[in-house]
Amino acid sequence: MKSPDPLKGGVATDRQTRDYYRLKAAELARRYDGARGGIADCFDGAFPRGGRVLDVGAGSGRDLHRLLLGGWDGWGVEPCRALIDEAERLYPAVRGRIRQSALPALEGIGDGRFDGVVASAVLMHLAERQLKASLRSLRRVLKGRGRLLVSLPVDEGGKARRGRDEEGRFFNGFSPERLETLLAELGFACMAREQKADGLGRKDRNWAVQLFKL
């Protein structure tokens, strides 16, 4: 039997960052499709098999597609329409499973609908004033005892990336340590944390991957 659609559907990032993803959607989708490793390697240890998982900032659809292949009931939200179009072109299985919505509000996404949430390379682009509301939204859509898997960009020493990159994208410098503190205030406990190499082979970037549980 076909799974019921748990999604009913503003954009939090600044204009330069939004324009980057919109204008480069096709190029980025091809690049991400060839990436190795990444947060998807953590899905087995993060989420009970068969659970309903929401990919927030689904981007090119790569991780959502891996959720579906792995047996999870995967869904996604993505603010960039061009990226949604590329995801549906590259991965037909995700068609109808990505809605255009975004942090901080996750408008149109019902409360307590998901066993797990993935937020990979998403919180890094939010302005400071949007962080707490965004984390509350991530908690809101989770069921009791739900799990949250997050990745943040860091350098080789684990320091958070801050400022604009050469493409003009904004990085807020949100650190793994601060994430743990803010999520603890919302009832989350950190179950695991590791630093992973960049899946695209970029030497100046690593990723802090953290798993939390309500």
Protein backbone atom coordinates (compact mmCIF):
# COMPACT_ATOMS: atom_id res chain seq x y z
CA MET A 1 0.00 0.00 0.00
CA LYS A 2 1.30 3.44 -0.89
CA SER A 3 2.53 5.43 2.11
CA PRO A 4 0.37 8.46 3.00
CA ASP A 5 1.92 11.83 2.21
CA PRO A 6 2.99 13.49 5.49
CA LEU A 7 3.85 16.82 3.83
CA LYS A 8 1.41 19.62 3.09
CA GLY A 9 3.17 22.19 1.25
CA GLY A 10 10.06 31.01 3.42
CA VAL A 11 13.44 30.61 2.63
CA ALA A 12 15.95 31.28 5.41
CA THR A 13 19.21 31.80 3.53
CA ASP A 14 20.38 35.16 2.20
CA ARG A 15 19.99 36.24 -1.41
CA GLN A 16 23.54 35.49 -2.58
CA THR A 17 23.39 31.99 -1.19
CA ARG A 18 19.95 31.36 -2.69
CA ASP A 19 21.11 32.62 -6.08
CA TYR A 20 24.13 30.32 -6.00
CA TYR A 21 21.99 27.19 -5.60
CA ARG A 22 19.36 28.37 -8.06
CA LEU A 23 21.76 29.27 -10.85
CA LYS A 24 24.03 26.27 -10.39
CA ALA A 25 21.37 23.64 -9.69
CA ALA A 26 22.15 21.38 -12.66
CA GLU A 27 25.92 21.57 -12.13
CA LEU A 28 25.60 20.90 -8.39
CA ALA A 29 23.27 17.95 -8.89
CA ARG A 30 25.78 16.27 -11.21
CA ARG A 31 28.62 16.99 -8.80
CA TYR A 32 26.80 15.70 -5.72
CA ASP A 33 25.71 12.57 -7.56
CA GLY A 34 29.39 11.63 -7.88
CA ALA A 35 30.24 12.29 -4.23
CA ARG A 36 31.49 9.45 -2.07
CA GLY A 37 30.69 8.78 1.56
CA GLY A 38 28.97 11.60 3.38
CA ILE A 39 26.12 11.60 5.86
CA ALA A 40 24.33 8.73 4.11
CA ASP A 41 26.95 6.37 5.55
CA CYS A 42 25.44 7.12 8.98
CA PHE A 43 21.83 6.27 8.16
CA ASP A 44 22.00 2.65 9.31
CA GLY A 45 23.20 3.60 12.77
CA ALA A 46 20.92 6.60 13.06
CA PHE A 47 17.43 5.49 12.05
CA PRO A 48 15.40 2.31 12.60
CA ARG A 49 14.93 0.60 9.26
CA GLY A 50 11.56 1.36 7.72
CA GLY A 51 10.99 4.52 9.76
CA ARG A 52 9.71 7.74 8.23
CA VAL A 53 12.61 10.18 7.76
CA LEU A 54 12.53 13.80 6.58
CA ASP A 55 15.51 15.20 4.67
CA VAL A 56 15.52 18.94 5.39
CA GLY A 57 17.31 20.75 2.59
CA ALA A 58 17.08 17.77 0.28
CA GLY A 59 19.04 19.57 -2.44
CA SER A 60 19.86 17.32 -5.39
CA GLY A 61 17.94 14.40 -3.85
CA ARG A 62 21.02 12.20 -3.40
CA ASP A 63 20.52 11.47 0.30
CA LEU A 64 16.75 11.12 -0.03
CA HIS A 65 17.28 8.59 -2.79
CA ARG A 66 19.65 6.64 -0.53
CA LEU A 67 17.04 6.63 2.23
CA LEU A 68 14.51 5.12 -0.15
CA LEU A 69 16.99 2.54 -1.44
CA GLY A 70 17.80 1.60 2.14
CA GLY A 71 14.19 0.84 3.02
CA TRP A 72 13.23 4.01 4.87
CA ASP A 73 10.04 5.97 4.15
CA GLY A 74 11.94 9.03 2.99
CA TRP A 75 10.55 12.50 2.33
CA GLY A 76 12.20 15.84 1.71
CA VAL A 77 11.82 19.59 1.84
CA GLU A 78 13.90 21.98 -0.26
CA PRO A 79 13.54 25.75 -0.79
CA CYS A 80 15.11 25.81 -4.27
CA ARG A 81 12.66 24.80 -7.02
CA ALA A 82 15.50 24.30 -9.51
CA LEU A 83 17.15 21.74 -7.24
CA ILE A 84 13.86 19.89 -6.76
CA ASP A 85 13.54 19.65 -10.54
CA GLU A 86 17.07 18.25 -10.82
CA ALA A 87 16.43 15.75 -8.02
CA GLU A 88 13.32 14.41 -9.76
CA ARG A 89 15.21 14.17 -13.04
CA LEU A 90 18.19 12.30 -11.57
CA TYR A 91 16.24 10.07 -9.17
CA PRO A 92 12.73 9.22 -10.38
CA ALA A 93 11.97 7.47 -7.07
CA VAL A 94 11.88 10.82 -5.24
CA ARG A 95 9.17 12.32 -7.46
CA GLY A 96 6.29 13.57 -5.34
CA ARG A 97 8.35 13.19 -2.16
CA ILE A 98 9.97 16.65 -2.01
CA ARG A 99 8.03 19.76 -1.08
CA GLN A 100 9.16 23.36 -1.47
CA SER A 101 9.54 24.50 2.13
CA ALA A 102 12.38 25.65 4.35
CA LEU A 103 13.68 26.50 7.78
CA PRO A 104 13.09 28.26 10.06
CA ALA A 105 9.34 27.55 9.91
CA LEU A 106 9.08 24.36 7.81
CA GLU A 107 5.71 25.68 6.73
CA GLY A 108 3.17 23.04 5.82
CA ILE A 109 4.99 20.21 7.60
CA GLY A 110 2.86 18.61 10.30
CA ASP A 111 3.86 18.11 13.92
CA GLY A 112 5.24 14.78 15.12
CA ARG A 113 5.15 13.06 11.74
CA PHE A 114 8.68 11.69 11.48
CA ASP A 115 10.82 9.11 13.24
CA GLY A 116 13.96 10.86 12.05
CA VAL A 117 15.21 14.07 10.47
CA VAL A 118 18.35 14.64 8.40
CA ALA A 119 19.76 18.19 8.23
CA SER A 120 22.91 17.86 6.16
CA ALA A 121 24.78 21.06 5.18
CA VAL A 122 21.72 23.17 6.07
CA LEU A 123 22.14 24.91 9.42
CA MET A 124 25.45 26.36 8.17
CA HIS A 125 23.62 28.87 5.94
CA LEU A 126 21.13 30.26 8.49
CA ALA A 127 21.45 33.70 10.01
CA GLU A 128 21.96 33.88 13.77
CA ARG A 129 18.43 35.18 14.36
CA GLN A 130 17.00 32.09 12.64
CA LEU A 131 18.87 29.33 14.46
CA LYS A 132 16.73 28.80 17.55
CA ALA A 133 13.45 28.91 15.64
CA SER A 134 14.89 26.46 13.11
CA LEU A 135 15.90 23.99 15.80
CA ARG A 136 12.44 24.24 17.37
CA SER A 137 10.94 23.38 13.97
CA LEU A 138 13.18 20.33 13.63
CA ARG A 139 12.00 19.16 17.06
CA ARG A 140 8.38 19.92 16.22
CA VAL A 141 8.19 17.56 13.26
CA LEU A 142 9.74 14.64 15.17
CA LYS A 143 7.83 11.99 17.06
CA GLY A 144 8.67 11.31 20.69
CA ARG A 145 12.11 9.66 20.96
CA GLY A 146 12.77 10.75 17.38
CA ARG A 147 16.31 11.14 16.07
CA LEU A 148 18.07 14.06 14.39
CA LEU A 149 21.18 13.65 12.23
CA VAL A 150 23.09 16.86 11.45
CA SER A 151 26.26 17.74 9.54
CA LEU A 152 28.17 21.03 9.83
CA PRO A 153 31.29 22.14 7.91
CA VAL A 154 34.52 22.40 9.89
CA ASP A 155 38.22 22.68 9.09
CA GLU A 156 40.77 19.98 9.85
CA GLY A 157 40.98 21.16 13.43
CA GLY A 158 37.22 21.00 13.90
CA LYS A 159 36.67 24.77 13.82
CA ALA A 160 33.38 25.88 12.27
CA ARG A 161 33.44 27.53 8.84
CA ARG A 162 32.52 31.24 8.95
CA GLY A 163 31.99 34.07 6.45
CA ARG A 164 31.49 33.92 2.69
CA ASP A 165 33.27 31.50 0.40
CA GLU A 166 34.70 32.28 -3.05
CA GLU A 167 31.22 31.69 -4.55
CA GLY A 168 29.58 34.22 -2.23
CA ARG A 169 27.76 31.69 -0.07
CA PHE A 170 27.20 32.69 3.57
CA PHE A 171 28.47 30.42 6.38
CA ASN A 172 27.38 31.30 9.88
CA GLY A 173 30.17 29.67 11.92
CA PHE A 174 27.66 27.50 13.80
CA SER A 175 29.80 25.08 15.81
CA PRO A 176 29.05 21.46 16.80
CA GLU A 177 29.51 22.45 20.45
CA ARG A 178 26.90 25.19 20.24
CA LEU A 179 24.51 22.85 18.46
CA GLU A 180 24.76 20.37 21.34
CA THR A 181 24.05 23.14 23.86
CA LEU A 182 21.00 24.52 22.05
CA LEU A 183 19.51 21.10 21.33
CA ALA A 184 19.97 20.05 24.96
CA GLU A 185 17.67 22.95 25.89
CA LEU A 186 15.03 21.38 23.61
CA GLY A 187 15.29 17.94 25.15
CA PHE A 188 17.83 16.31 22.82
CA ALA A 189 20.75 14.17 23.95
CA CYS A 190 23.81 13.74 21.73
CA MET A 191 24.30 10.05 20.98
CA ALA A 192 27.33 10.26 18.70
CA ARG A 193 29.67 12.72 17.01
CA GLU A 194 32.38 12.15 14.42
CA GLN A 195 34.42 14.13 11.91
CA LYS A 196 34.28 12.95 8.31
CA ALA A 197 36.26 13.85 5.20
CA ASP A 198 34.54 15.84 2.48
CA GLY A 199 32.69 13.59 0.01
CA LEU A 200 33.76 15.82 -2.90
CA GLY A 201 37.41 15.59 -1.98
CA ARG A 202 37.83 19.22 -0.91
CA LYS A 203 40.94 19.39 1.27
CA ASP A 204 39.89 22.54 3.12
CA ARG A 205 36.65 21.08 4.40
CA ASN A 206 35.60 18.35 6.80
CA TRP A 207 32.20 17.64 8.32
CA ALA A 208 31.12 17.25 11.91
CA VAL A 209 28.30 14.69 11.93
CA GLN A 210 26.17 14.51 15.09
CA LEU A 211 23.31 12.22 16.04
CA PHE A 212 20.74 13.38 18.61
CA LYS A 213 17.76 11.68 20.23
CA LEU A 214 14.76 13.13 22.03
